Amino acid sequence: MGMKNFHVPLPDETYEHLKAVAVRSKVPATTLAREAIDFWLRQELRKARHDAIAAYAAEAAGTVLDLDTDLEAAGIQHLTGTGRKSK
């Protein structure tokens, strides 16, 4: 995997906190910063995916692309345990 350098100016307080955590955890500050950015980017990707699915569901609601009502009812019964019990 290739790497690119990216200069990120930090406020003094943020920089000092990052350095302190790096010393305490014995992990380079650049590694901590990279992991924090990666985590944030994964969260943003997850949010974007959720938003896209929600937008599609809202657009498809009430159309032929909407969930089959019998299948939906069966799913609800299964999840709530209100369906028939198997023997």
Protein backbone atom coordinates (compact mmCIF):
# COMPACT_ATOMS: atom_id res chain seq x y z
CA MET A 1 0.00 0.00 0.00
CA GLY A 2 1.40 3.38 -0.97
CA MET A 3 1.62 6.27 1.44
CA LYS A 4 1.26 9.99 0.89
CA ASN A 5 2.34 12.73 3.26
CA PHE A 6 -0.30 15.22 4.32
CA HIS A 7 0.55 18.27 6.39
CA VAL A 8 -2.13 19.06 8.99
CA PRO A 9 -1.62 22.17 11.13
CA LEU A 10 -3.02 21.53 14.61
CA PRO A 11 -3.95 23.96 17.35
CA ASP A 12 -1.36 23.95 20.15
CA GLU A 13 -3.72 22.27 22.60
CA THR A 14 -4.62 19.48 20.15
CA TYR A 15 -0.95 18.93 19.35
CA GLU A 16 -0.02 18.72 23.04
CA HIS A 17 -2.84 16.25 23.75
CA LEU A 18 -1.79 14.11 20.81
CA LYS A 19 1.85 14.12 21.94
CA ALA A 20 0.86 13.21 25.50
CA VAL A 21 -1.27 10.27 24.34
CA ALA A 22 1.52 9.13 22.03
CA VAL A 23 4.02 9.12 24.89
CA ARG A 24 1.59 7.40 27.26
CA SER A 25 0.64 4.71 24.74
CA LYS A 26 4.16 4.38 23.29
CA VAL A 27 2.69 4.79 19.79
CA PRO A 28 3.97 7.44 17.37
CA ALA A 29 1.71 10.50 17.13
CA THR A 30 1.55 10.07 13.35
CA THR A 31 0.17 6.56 13.82
CA LEU A 32 -2.46 7.81 16.27
CA ALA A 33 -3.45 10.62 13.90
CA ARG A 34 -3.64 8.23 10.92
CA GLU A 35 -5.80 5.79 12.92
CA ALA A 36 -8.10 8.61 14.06
CA ILE A 37 -8.52 9.84 10.49
CA ASP A 38 -9.14 6.30 9.22
CA PHE A 39 -11.77 5.76 11.92
CA TRP A 40 -13.51 9.03 11.07
CA LEU A 41 -13.47 8.23 7.34
CA ARG A 42 -15.00 4.79 7.97
CA GLN A 43 -17.76 6.44 10.03
CA GLU A 44 -18.40 8.94 7.23
CA LEU A 45 -18.57 6.12 4.68
CA ARG A 46 -21.02 4.24 6.90
CA LYS A 47 -23.15 7.38 7.28
CA ALA A 48 -23.11 8.01 3.52
CA ARG A 49 -24.18 4.40 2.88
CA HIS A 50 -26.97 4.69 5.45
CA ASP A 51 -28.16 7.98 3.94
CA ALA A 52 -28.15 6.49 0.43
CA ILE A 53 -30.18 3.46 1.56
CA ALA A 54 -32.63 5.68 3.45
CA ALA A 55 -33.05 7.94 0.40
CA TYR A 56 -33.66 4.93 -1.85
CA ALA A 57 -36.17 3.46 0.62
CA ALA A 58 -38.03 6.77 0.83
CA GLU A 59 -38.08 7.06 -2.96
CA ALA A 60 -39.25 3.47 -3.44
CA ALA A 61 -41.90 3.59 -0.70
CA GLY A 62 -45.33 2.78 -2.07
CA THR A 63 -44.01 1.75 -5.49
CA VAL A 64 -43.58 -1.71 -7.01
CA LEU A 65 -40.03 -1.59 -5.66
CA ASP A 66 -41.35 -1.38 -2.10
CA LEU A 67 -41.14 -4.42 0.18
CA ASP A 68 -43.77 -7.09 -0.36
CA THR A 69 -46.40 -6.59 2.36
CA ASP A 70 -46.75 -10.34 3.09
CA LEU A 71 -42.99 -10.70 3.41
CA GLU A 72 -42.84 -7.61 5.63
CA ALA A 73 -45.59 -8.97 7.91
CA ALA A 74 -43.82 -12.33 8.17
CA GLY A 75 -40.57 -10.58 9.06
CA ILE A 76 -42.27 -8.52 11.76
CA GLN A 77 -43.93 -11.63 13.19
CA HIS A 78 -40.60 -13.41 13.24
CA LEU A 79 -38.79 -10.52 14.94
CA THR A 80 -41.49 -9.93 17.55
CA GLY A 81 -42.16 -13.63 18.20
CA THR A 82 -45.88 -13.17 17.49
CA GLY A 83 -45.96 -15.82 14.77
CA ARG A 84 -46.83 -19.46 15.24
CA LYS A 85 -44.41 -21.53 17.29
CA SER A 86 -42.74 -24.44 15.52
CA LYS A 87 -43.14 -27.91 17.00
